[in-house]
N, C-alpha and C. Protein backbone atom coordinates (compact mmCIF):
# COMPACT_ATOMS: atom_id res chain seq x y z
N MET A 1 4.35 -15.83 -1.05
CA MET A 1 3.42 -14.73 -1.36
C MET A 1 2.56 -15.26 -2.61
N PRO A 2 1.30 -15.03 -2.49
CA PRO A 2 0.40 -15.28 -3.58
C PRO A 2 0.79 -14.63 -4.85
N GLY A 3 0.86 -15.43 -5.97
CA GLY A 3 1.08 -14.80 -7.26
C GLY A 3 2.42 -14.51 -7.50
N HIS A 4 3.32 -14.75 -6.73
CA HIS A 4 4.80 -14.55 -6.76
C HIS A 4 5.40 -15.48 -7.93
N HIS A 5 5.98 -14.97 -8.98
CA HIS A 5 6.62 -15.66 -9.94
C HIS A 5 7.93 -15.30 -10.08
N ALA A 6 8.83 -15.83 -9.25
CA ALA A 6 10.21 -15.29 -9.24
C ALA A 6 10.93 -15.17 -10.40
N ASP A 7 10.68 -16.33 -11.50
CA ASP A 7 11.36 -16.20 -12.71
C ASP A 7 11.04 -15.09 -13.59
N THR A 8 9.86 -14.32 -13.28
CA THR A 8 9.57 -13.28 -14.15
C THR A 8 9.45 -11.85 -13.39
N ILE A 9 9.55 -11.96 -12.19
CA ILE A 9 9.56 -10.58 -11.38
C ILE A 9 10.77 -10.18 -10.80
N ASP A 10 11.55 -11.22 -10.34
CA ASP A 10 12.88 -10.96 -9.57
C ASP A 10 13.64 -9.97 -10.34
N GLY A 11 13.97 -8.89 -9.49
CA GLY A 11 14.91 -7.89 -10.08
C GLY A 11 14.26 -6.93 -10.91
N LEU A 12 13.01 -7.00 -11.25
CA LEU A 12 12.49 -5.87 -12.21
C LEU A 12 12.33 -4.71 -11.41
N PRO A 13 12.69 -3.46 -12.15
CA PRO A 13 12.69 -2.30 -11.36
C PRO A 13 11.06 -1.74 -11.21
N ALA A 14 11.01 -1.34 -9.98
CA ALA A 14 9.56 -0.63 -9.57
C ALA A 14 9.85 0.59 -8.98
N LEU A 15 8.93 1.46 -9.06
CA LEU A 15 8.93 2.78 -8.36
C LEU A 15 7.76 2.89 -7.55
N VAL A 16 7.78 3.34 -6.30
CA VAL A 16 6.54 3.57 -5.41
C VAL A 16 6.52 5.15 -5.32
N VAL A 17 5.47 5.77 -5.68
CA VAL A 17 5.44 7.21 -5.64
C VAL A 17 4.36 7.54 -4.53
N THR A 18 4.51 8.16 -3.42
CA THR A 18 3.66 8.68 -2.53
C THR A 18 3.17 10.15 -2.98
N VAL A 19 1.96 10.16 -3.25
CA VAL A 19 1.27 11.41 -3.66
C VAL A 19 0.57 12.20 -2.44
N SER A 20 1.26 13.11 -1.92
CA SER A 20 0.69 13.78 -0.74
C SER A 20 1.34 15.20 -0.56
N ASP A 21 0.57 16.20 -0.43
CA ASP A 21 0.97 17.50 -0.14
C ASP A 21 1.77 17.68 1.17
N SER A 22 1.14 16.98 2.24
CA SER A 22 1.69 17.15 3.55
C SER A 22 3.05 16.33 3.71
N THR A 23 3.00 15.13 3.06
CA THR A 23 4.36 14.33 3.14
C THR A 23 5.51 15.01 2.21
N ALA A 24 5.01 15.52 1.21
CA ALA A 24 6.10 16.35 0.35
C ALA A 24 6.62 17.54 1.03
N ALA A 25 5.64 18.13 1.80
CA ALA A 25 6.10 19.22 2.66
C ALA A 25 6.81 18.93 4.00
N GLY A 26 6.95 17.56 4.29
CA GLY A 26 7.71 17.21 5.41
C GLY A 26 6.85 17.42 6.78
N THR A 27 5.46 17.64 6.65
CA THR A 27 4.71 17.83 7.83
C THR A 27 3.95 16.61 8.17
N ARG A 28 4.00 15.57 7.33
CA ARG A 28 3.31 14.20 7.75
C ARG A 28 4.22 13.04 7.14
N GLU A 29 4.40 12.04 8.07
CA GLU A 29 5.16 10.87 7.80
C GLU A 29 4.45 10.06 6.64
N ASP A 30 5.24 9.56 5.84
CA ASP A 30 4.84 8.71 4.76
C ASP A 30 4.63 7.27 5.27
N ARG A 31 3.25 6.83 5.41
CA ARG A 31 3.04 5.63 5.97
C ARG A 31 2.66 4.62 4.92
N SER A 32 2.19 5.04 3.77
CA SER A 32 1.80 4.03 2.74
C SER A 32 3.03 3.61 1.74
N GLY A 33 3.71 4.53 1.46
CA GLY A 33 4.97 4.25 0.46
C GLY A 33 5.90 3.16 1.12
N PRO A 34 6.29 3.13 2.44
CA PRO A 34 7.19 2.07 2.83
C PRO A 34 6.42 0.71 2.91
N VAL A 35 5.06 0.66 3.23
CA VAL A 35 4.37 -0.68 3.15
C VAL A 35 4.26 -1.13 1.73
N VAL A 36 3.87 -0.22 0.74
CA VAL A 36 3.94 -0.70 -0.55
C VAL A 36 5.25 -1.21 -1.19
N ALA A 37 6.32 -0.41 -0.75
CA ALA A 37 7.66 -0.90 -1.28
C ALA A 37 8.02 -2.09 -0.61
N GLU A 38 7.70 -2.41 0.67
CA GLU A 38 8.08 -3.62 1.23
C GLU A 38 7.29 -4.87 0.50
N ARG A 39 6.10 -4.59 0.29
CA ARG A 39 5.37 -5.76 -0.42
C ARG A 39 5.95 -6.02 -1.74
N LEU A 40 6.18 -4.91 -2.47
CA LEU A 40 6.70 -5.14 -3.78
C LEU A 40 8.11 -5.91 -3.77
N ALA A 41 8.98 -5.46 -2.61
CA ALA A 41 10.18 -6.19 -2.72
C ALA A 41 10.00 -7.62 -2.24
N ASP A 42 8.98 -7.95 -1.32
CA ASP A 42 8.65 -9.25 -1.00
C ASP A 42 8.31 -10.16 -2.38
N LEU A 43 7.61 -9.45 -3.34
CA LEU A 43 7.24 -10.11 -4.67
C LEU A 43 8.37 -10.26 -5.57
N GLY A 44 9.53 -9.62 -5.32
CA GLY A 44 10.70 -9.75 -5.97
C GLY A 44 11.17 -8.67 -6.76
N PHE A 45 10.48 -7.44 -6.72
CA PHE A 45 10.90 -6.18 -7.39
C PHE A 45 12.02 -5.53 -6.81
N LYS A 46 12.80 -4.80 -7.50
CA LYS A 46 13.78 -3.97 -7.03
C LYS A 46 13.28 -2.61 -6.88
N VAL A 47 13.01 -2.10 -5.77
CA VAL A 47 12.07 -0.90 -5.45
C VAL A 47 12.92 0.26 -5.18
N GLN A 48 12.43 1.30 -5.74
CA GLN A 48 12.84 2.65 -5.28
C GLN A 48 11.53 3.48 -4.94
N ARG A 49 11.69 4.58 -4.10
CA ARG A 49 10.55 5.42 -3.62
C ARG A 49 10.88 6.87 -3.90
N GLN A 50 9.78 7.48 -4.12
CA GLN A 50 9.77 8.94 -4.28
C GLN A 50 8.49 9.69 -3.73
N VAL A 51 8.52 10.79 -3.42
CA VAL A 51 7.20 11.48 -2.76
C VAL A 51 7.11 12.71 -3.81
N VAL A 52 5.82 12.99 -4.03
CA VAL A 52 5.40 14.25 -4.84
C VAL A 52 4.17 14.83 -4.23
N ALA A 53 3.98 16.07 -4.33
CA ALA A 53 2.79 16.78 -3.85
C ALA A 53 1.69 16.41 -4.85
N ASP A 54 0.41 16.69 -4.44
CA ASP A 54 -0.78 16.52 -5.22
C ASP A 54 -0.74 17.50 -6.37
N GLU A 55 0.11 17.32 -7.22
CA GLU A 55 0.23 18.30 -8.43
C GLU A 55 0.31 17.43 -9.69
N PRO A 56 -0.79 17.36 -10.46
CA PRO A 56 -0.88 16.48 -11.47
C PRO A 56 0.23 16.40 -12.56
N VAL A 57 0.80 17.64 -12.78
CA VAL A 57 1.81 17.94 -13.85
C VAL A 57 3.09 17.22 -13.32
N GLU A 58 3.37 17.45 -12.17
CA GLU A 58 4.68 16.95 -11.44
C GLU A 58 4.60 15.39 -11.47
N LEU A 59 3.49 14.96 -11.03
CA LEU A 59 3.17 13.40 -10.87
C LEU A 59 3.41 12.77 -12.37
N ALA A 60 2.76 13.45 -13.24
CA ALA A 60 2.77 12.94 -14.68
C ALA A 60 4.18 12.97 -15.17
N GLY A 61 4.98 13.84 -14.82
CA GLY A 61 6.35 13.89 -15.34
C GLY A 61 7.07 12.78 -14.72
N MET A 62 6.90 12.64 -13.35
CA MET A 62 7.66 11.56 -12.57
C MET A 62 7.25 10.05 -13.19
N VAL A 63 6.13 9.90 -13.42
CA VAL A 63 5.62 8.62 -14.01
C VAL A 63 6.26 8.42 -15.46
N ALA A 64 6.04 9.52 -16.24
CA ALA A 64 6.61 9.41 -17.66
C ALA A 64 8.04 9.04 -17.63
N ALA A 65 8.86 9.65 -16.77
CA ALA A 65 10.27 9.58 -16.75
C ALA A 65 10.67 8.24 -16.19
N ALA A 66 10.11 7.81 -15.15
CA ALA A 66 10.20 6.23 -14.72
C ALA A 66 10.01 5.36 -15.79
N ALA A 67 8.85 5.44 -16.40
CA ALA A 67 8.46 4.35 -17.48
C ALA A 67 9.59 4.52 -18.59
N ASP A 68 9.82 5.71 -19.14
CA ASP A 68 10.76 5.91 -20.22
C ASP A 68 12.15 5.43 -19.98
N ALA A 69 12.53 5.39 -18.61
CA ALA A 69 13.66 4.96 -18.21
C ALA A 69 13.89 3.45 -17.97
N GLY A 70 12.80 2.66 -18.12
CA GLY A 70 12.74 1.22 -18.03
C GLY A 70 12.22 0.67 -16.84
N THR A 71 11.56 1.45 -15.88
CA THR A 71 10.90 1.08 -14.71
C THR A 71 9.85 0.30 -15.18
N ARG A 72 9.55 -1.02 -14.65
CA ARG A 72 8.52 -1.83 -15.39
C ARG A 72 7.17 -1.70 -14.60
N LEU A 73 7.14 -1.28 -13.33
CA LEU A 73 6.07 -1.12 -12.59
C LEU A 73 6.08 0.21 -11.77
N VAL A 74 5.22 0.95 -11.84
CA VAL A 74 5.07 2.16 -11.12
C VAL A 74 3.81 2.07 -10.28
N VAL A 75 3.95 2.28 -8.91
CA VAL A 75 2.69 2.32 -8.15
C VAL A 75 2.74 3.68 -7.40
N THR A 76 1.62 4.42 -7.63
CA THR A 76 1.36 5.48 -6.90
C THR A 76 0.48 5.29 -5.71
N THR A 77 0.58 6.01 -4.61
CA THR A 77 -0.34 5.69 -3.46
C THR A 77 -0.73 7.07 -3.03
N GLY A 78 -2.11 7.27 -2.98
CA GLY A 78 -2.54 8.52 -2.53
C GLY A 78 -3.25 9.28 -3.80
N GLY A 79 -4.22 10.23 -3.33
CA GLY A 79 -4.66 11.02 -4.46
C GLY A 79 -5.74 10.35 -5.30
N THR A 80 -6.47 9.31 -4.79
CA THR A 80 -7.31 8.49 -5.59
C THR A 80 -8.74 8.70 -5.12
N GLY A 81 -8.90 9.46 -4.00
CA GLY A 81 -10.22 9.73 -3.28
C GLY A 81 -10.95 10.87 -4.10
N LEU A 82 -11.81 11.47 -3.41
CA LEU A 82 -12.75 12.47 -3.82
C LEU A 82 -12.35 13.93 -3.18
N GLY A 83 -11.18 13.97 -2.53
CA GLY A 83 -10.74 15.35 -1.84
C GLY A 83 -10.50 16.38 -3.06
N PRO A 84 -10.52 17.48 -2.56
CA PRO A 84 -10.34 18.52 -3.58
C PRO A 84 -8.91 18.62 -4.14
N ARG A 85 -8.00 17.96 -3.54
CA ARG A 85 -6.58 17.87 -4.04
C ARG A 85 -6.21 16.56 -4.67
N ASP A 86 -7.30 15.63 -4.70
CA ASP A 86 -6.94 14.36 -5.21
C ASP A 86 -6.97 14.28 -6.67
N HIS A 87 -5.78 14.31 -7.30
CA HIS A 87 -5.75 14.45 -8.84
C HIS A 87 -4.82 13.36 -9.33
N THR A 88 -4.58 12.35 -8.57
CA THR A 88 -3.76 11.24 -9.13
C THR A 88 -4.26 10.69 -10.61
N PRO A 89 -5.47 10.19 -10.59
CA PRO A 89 -5.91 9.75 -11.88
C PRO A 89 -5.86 10.64 -13.00
N GLU A 90 -6.08 11.92 -12.71
CA GLU A 90 -5.95 12.98 -13.90
C GLU A 90 -4.52 13.14 -14.29
N GLY A 91 -3.66 13.21 -13.39
CA GLY A 91 -2.24 13.37 -13.72
C GLY A 91 -1.65 12.25 -14.56
N VAL A 92 -1.87 10.97 -14.01
CA VAL A 92 -1.38 9.81 -14.60
C VAL A 92 -2.07 9.58 -15.92
N SER A 93 -3.18 9.98 -15.98
CA SER A 93 -4.05 9.72 -17.40
C SER A 93 -3.39 10.41 -18.49
N THR A 94 -2.79 11.65 -18.19
CA THR A 94 -2.13 12.41 -19.35
C THR A 94 -0.94 11.93 -19.96
N VAL A 95 -0.29 10.84 -19.24
CA VAL A 95 0.96 10.26 -19.81
C VAL A 95 0.92 8.68 -20.08
N VAL A 96 -0.26 8.20 -20.03
CA VAL A 96 -0.35 6.72 -20.26
C VAL A 96 -0.96 6.59 -21.72
N ASP A 97 -0.72 5.25 -22.14
CA ASP A 97 -1.26 4.85 -23.48
C ASP A 97 -2.71 4.51 -23.40
N TYR A 98 -3.03 3.69 -22.33
CA TYR A 98 -4.32 3.19 -22.24
C TYR A 98 -4.59 2.74 -20.70
N ILE A 99 -5.96 2.60 -20.40
CA ILE A 99 -6.22 2.19 -18.91
C ILE A 99 -6.51 0.71 -19.11
N VAL A 100 -6.36 0.04 -17.83
CA VAL A 100 -6.61 -1.47 -17.93
C VAL A 100 -7.56 -1.60 -16.88
N PRO A 101 -9.07 -1.51 -17.30
CA PRO A 101 -10.21 -1.44 -16.32
C PRO A 101 -10.30 -2.61 -15.21
N GLY A 102 -9.92 -3.77 -15.59
CA GLY A 102 -9.92 -4.91 -14.64
C GLY A 102 -9.23 -4.69 -13.35
N PHE A 103 -8.15 -3.99 -13.53
CA PHE A 103 -7.34 -3.74 -12.27
C PHE A 103 -8.14 -2.90 -11.17
N GLY A 104 -8.68 -1.88 -11.59
CA GLY A 104 -9.43 -1.11 -10.78
C GLY A 104 -10.60 -1.71 -10.17
N GLU A 105 -11.32 -2.49 -11.11
CA GLU A 105 -12.54 -3.20 -10.57
C GLU A 105 -12.06 -4.29 -9.50
N ALA A 106 -10.92 -4.91 -9.70
CA ALA A 106 -10.52 -6.02 -8.89
C ALA A 106 -10.07 -5.24 -7.48
N MET A 107 -9.31 -4.11 -7.56
CA MET A 107 -9.01 -3.42 -6.32
C MET A 107 -10.19 -2.96 -5.56
N ARG A 108 -11.17 -2.38 -6.16
CA ARG A 108 -12.36 -1.79 -5.55
C ARG A 108 -13.16 -3.15 -4.85
N ALA A 109 -13.29 -4.23 -5.74
CA ALA A 109 -14.02 -5.37 -5.07
C ALA A 109 -13.34 -5.95 -3.86
N GLU A 110 -12.13 -5.95 -3.78
CA GLU A 110 -11.23 -6.41 -2.71
C GLU A 110 -11.55 -5.42 -1.48
N GLY A 111 -11.23 -4.15 -1.88
CA GLY A 111 -11.61 -3.14 -0.89
C GLY A 111 -12.97 -3.13 -0.02
N ARG A 112 -14.05 -3.48 -0.89
CA ARG A 112 -15.31 -3.55 -0.48
C ARG A 112 -15.63 -4.64 0.54
N LYS A 113 -14.56 -5.74 0.58
CA LYS A 113 -14.73 -6.79 1.60
C LYS A 113 -14.54 -6.12 2.89
N HIS A 114 -13.81 -5.02 3.07
CA HIS A 114 -13.34 -4.56 4.16
C HIS A 114 -14.11 -3.12 4.70
N THR A 115 -14.49 -2.44 3.60
CA THR A 115 -15.15 -1.10 3.85
C THR A 115 -16.06 -0.86 2.59
N PRO A 116 -17.23 -0.31 2.91
CA PRO A 116 -17.98 0.19 1.79
C PRO A 116 -17.42 1.40 1.06
N LEU A 117 -16.56 2.08 1.70
CA LEU A 117 -16.01 3.33 1.23
C LEU A 117 -15.08 2.98 -0.12
N ALA A 118 -14.63 1.85 -0.14
CA ALA A 118 -13.75 1.25 -1.33
C ALA A 118 -14.49 1.77 -2.52
N SER A 119 -15.79 1.84 -2.63
CA SER A 119 -16.57 2.19 -3.80
C SER A 119 -16.31 3.46 -4.39
N ILE A 120 -15.77 4.46 -3.47
CA ILE A 120 -15.51 5.75 -4.03
C ILE A 120 -14.07 5.95 -4.42
N SER A 121 -13.24 5.03 -4.29
CA SER A 121 -11.90 5.04 -4.63
C SER A 121 -11.82 5.03 -6.20
N ARG A 122 -10.95 5.91 -6.58
CA ARG A 122 -10.63 5.96 -8.22
C ARG A 122 -9.32 5.26 -8.58
N SER A 123 -9.03 4.25 -7.73
CA SER A 123 -7.78 3.46 -8.11
C SER A 123 -7.98 2.80 -9.50
N PHE A 124 -6.94 2.74 -10.16
CA PHE A 124 -6.90 2.15 -11.54
C PHE A 124 -5.44 1.73 -11.92
N ALA A 125 -5.45 1.16 -13.10
CA ALA A 125 -4.18 0.76 -13.66
C ALA A 125 -4.15 1.20 -15.14
N ALA A 126 -2.94 1.43 -15.52
CA ALA A 126 -2.71 1.89 -16.96
C ALA A 126 -1.29 1.42 -17.43
N VAL A 127 -1.12 1.51 -18.78
CA VAL A 127 0.01 1.32 -19.38
C VAL A 127 0.68 2.44 -20.12
N ARG A 128 2.10 2.52 -19.90
CA ARG A 128 2.73 3.40 -20.79
C ARG A 128 4.02 2.63 -21.28
N GLY A 129 3.89 2.30 -22.64
CA GLY A 129 4.89 1.59 -23.30
C GLY A 129 4.89 0.21 -22.68
N ARG A 130 6.12 -0.19 -22.01
CA ARG A 130 6.08 -1.60 -21.27
C ARG A 130 5.95 -1.45 -19.78
N THR A 131 5.41 -0.47 -19.26
CA THR A 131 5.37 -0.14 -18.00
C THR A 131 3.95 -0.14 -17.48
N LEU A 132 3.66 -0.98 -16.30
CA LEU A 132 2.34 -0.93 -15.73
C LEU A 132 2.27 0.04 -14.62
N VAL A 133 1.25 0.88 -14.60
CA VAL A 133 1.19 1.95 -13.57
C VAL A 133 -0.01 1.60 -12.77
N LEU A 134 0.04 1.56 -11.46
CA LEU A 134 -1.09 1.12 -10.53
C LEU A 134 -1.19 2.37 -9.64
N CYS A 135 -2.41 2.87 -9.59
CA CYS A 135 -2.69 3.88 -8.61
C CYS A 135 -3.54 3.44 -7.66
N VAL A 136 -3.07 3.34 -6.47
CA VAL A 136 -3.74 2.66 -5.31
C VAL A 136 -4.00 3.86 -4.09
N PRO A 137 -4.89 3.59 -3.25
CA PRO A 137 -5.23 4.60 -2.15
C PRO A 137 -4.01 4.79 -1.35
N GLY A 138 -4.20 5.91 -0.64
CA GLY A 138 -3.17 6.42 0.22
C GLY A 138 -2.99 5.88 1.67
N SER A 139 -3.89 5.27 2.08
CA SER A 139 -3.89 4.43 3.41
C SER A 139 -3.23 3.24 3.34
N PRO A 140 -2.46 2.95 4.20
CA PRO A 140 -1.60 1.61 4.08
C PRO A 140 -2.39 0.51 4.00
N ARG A 141 -3.48 0.29 4.71
CA ARG A 141 -4.31 -0.85 4.63
C ARG A 141 -5.04 -0.83 3.07
N GLY A 142 -5.53 0.35 2.61
CA GLY A 142 -6.19 0.34 1.36
C GLY A 142 -5.08 -0.07 0.25
N ALA A 143 -3.95 0.63 0.46
CA ALA A 143 -2.92 0.25 -0.52
C ALA A 143 -2.62 -1.24 -0.60
N LEU A 144 -2.39 -1.87 0.53
CA LEU A 144 -1.99 -3.21 0.64
C LEU A 144 -3.27 -4.19 0.06
N GLU A 145 -4.42 -3.70 0.44
CA GLU A 145 -5.60 -4.57 -0.02
C GLU A 145 -5.65 -4.46 -1.60
N SER A 146 -5.30 -3.25 -2.14
CA SER A 146 -5.42 -3.21 -3.55
C SER A 146 -4.23 -4.02 -4.25
N LEU A 147 -3.06 -4.06 -3.66
CA LEU A 147 -1.95 -4.97 -4.16
C LEU A 147 -2.34 -6.42 -4.13
N ASP A 148 -3.03 -6.84 -2.71
CA ASP A 148 -3.47 -8.22 -2.71
C ASP A 148 -4.44 -8.59 -3.84
N ALA A 149 -5.28 -7.66 -4.34
CA ALA A 149 -6.25 -7.98 -5.34
C ALA A 149 -5.67 -8.19 -6.67
N VAL A 150 -4.49 -7.81 -7.00
CA VAL A 150 -3.88 -7.97 -8.38
C VAL A 150 -2.43 -8.60 -8.38
N ASP A 151 -2.01 -8.98 -7.18
CA ASP A 151 -0.70 -9.47 -7.12
C ASP A 151 -0.57 -10.86 -7.94
N MET A 152 -1.43 -11.75 -8.07
CA MET A 152 -1.35 -12.75 -8.77
C MET A 152 -1.30 -12.60 -10.36
N ILE A 153 -1.76 -11.47 -10.79
CA ILE A 153 -1.74 -11.29 -12.23
C ILE A 153 -0.56 -10.15 -12.65
N LEU A 154 0.21 -9.79 -11.70
CA LEU A 154 1.29 -8.96 -12.01
C LEU A 154 2.43 -9.50 -13.00
N ALA A 155 2.85 -10.70 -12.69
CA ALA A 155 3.85 -11.26 -13.52
C ALA A 155 3.39 -11.49 -14.82
N HIS A 156 2.19 -11.92 -14.94
CA HIS A 156 1.73 -12.31 -16.25
C HIS A 156 1.47 -11.04 -17.09
N THR A 157 0.94 -9.97 -16.46
CA THR A 157 0.76 -8.75 -17.02
C THR A 157 2.06 -8.11 -17.68
N LEU A 158 3.17 -8.12 -16.60
CA LEU A 158 4.52 -7.52 -17.23
C LEU A 158 5.10 -8.41 -18.25
N GLU A 159 4.84 -9.81 -18.23
CA GLU A 159 5.49 -10.54 -19.31
C GLU A 159 4.79 -10.12 -20.60
N THR A 160 3.46 -10.10 -20.56
CA THR A 160 2.71 -9.69 -21.72
C THR A 160 3.32 -8.34 -22.20
N LEU A 161 3.45 -7.40 -21.42
CA LEU A 161 3.89 -6.09 -21.82
C LEU A 161 5.20 -6.00 -22.47
N ALA A 162 6.01 -6.96 -21.96
CA ALA A 162 7.32 -7.21 -22.48
C ALA A 162 7.33 -7.90 -23.81
N GLY A 163 6.26 -8.38 -24.35
CA GLY A 163 6.10 -8.98 -25.66
C GLY A 163 6.02 -10.45 -25.57
N ARG A 164 6.15 -11.03 -24.48
CA ARG A 164 6.00 -12.55 -24.33
C ARG A 164 4.65 -12.94 -23.83
N THR A 165 4.12 -13.87 -24.25
CA THR A 165 2.75 -14.35 -23.96
C THR A 165 2.92 -15.80 -23.11
N PRO A 166 3.08 -15.54 -21.96
CA PRO A 166 3.00 -16.70 -20.98
C PRO A 166 1.60 -17.31 -20.69
N GLN A 167 1.68 -18.50 -20.32
CA GLN A 167 0.33 -19.26 -19.95
C GLN A 167 -0.27 -18.36 -18.78
N PRO A 168 -1.54 -17.89 -18.84
CA PRO A 168 -2.11 -17.21 -17.72
C PRO A 168 -2.17 -18.18 -16.45
N PRO A 169 -2.22 -17.52 -15.25
CA PRO A 169 -2.36 -18.27 -13.92
C PRO A 169 -3.97 -18.93 -14.06
N THR A 170 -3.95 -20.19 -13.72
CA THR A 170 -5.18 -20.85 -13.79
C THR A 170 -5.80 -20.97 -12.37
N GLY A 171 -5.12 -20.86 -11.45
CA GLY A 171 -5.61 -20.79 -10.02
C GLY A 171 -5.56 -22.37 -9.56
N ASP A 172 -5.02 -23.27 -10.28
CA ASP A 172 -5.06 -24.67 -10.01
C ASP A 172 -3.64 -25.05 -9.49
N GLY A 173 -2.56 -24.34 -9.72
CA GLY A 173 -1.16 -24.82 -9.56
C GLY A 173 -0.66 -24.23 -8.22
N PRO A 174 0.42 -24.77 -7.82
CA PRO A 174 1.11 -24.23 -6.54
C PRO A 174 1.49 -22.71 -6.54
N GLY A 175 1.80 -22.13 -7.64
CA GLY A 175 2.07 -20.79 -7.76
C GLY A 175 0.84 -19.98 -8.07
N ASP A 176 -0.27 -20.52 -8.20
CA ASP A 176 -1.50 -19.75 -8.41
C ASP A 176 -2.29 -19.67 -7.28
N ARG A 177 -3.15 -18.76 -7.15
CA ARG A 177 -4.10 -18.53 -5.96
C ARG A 177 -5.16 -19.39 -6.19
């Protein structure tokens, strides 16, 4: 896998949260959560999954609890569009310390290679303590494209958040893109 740094990611706890009213109600199959979880497992994370309705307060509580319990990466899938119930950015923003703009920029740039609609995505990344929170689109394809855009910097980001300052990936070596 591009960007896979087994020595820094293997076994780190990650949580995938599917944000969807219909999935939470049991009326729609969760298609994005499983593919995101599989991709993170391929990168070496120990992954758990949860589903929550498009309720910003519930989502915020779930993200905060996971981060405070030591989960190193939280990936939400869904709720980043412009629909009337798409409130993932607002919910997550209430419990994070700061936003990391470059992740959202990279995710939208990768998405635009496949569809101009990626420009209206409100995908982003933020930090709570030592936890990275990624908010990606709810479509399986959009979610995976977003992860593809940032997978090579995940290990470095998590190492930095843990207080270590590893050498950044250069793009020149066998483990770099």
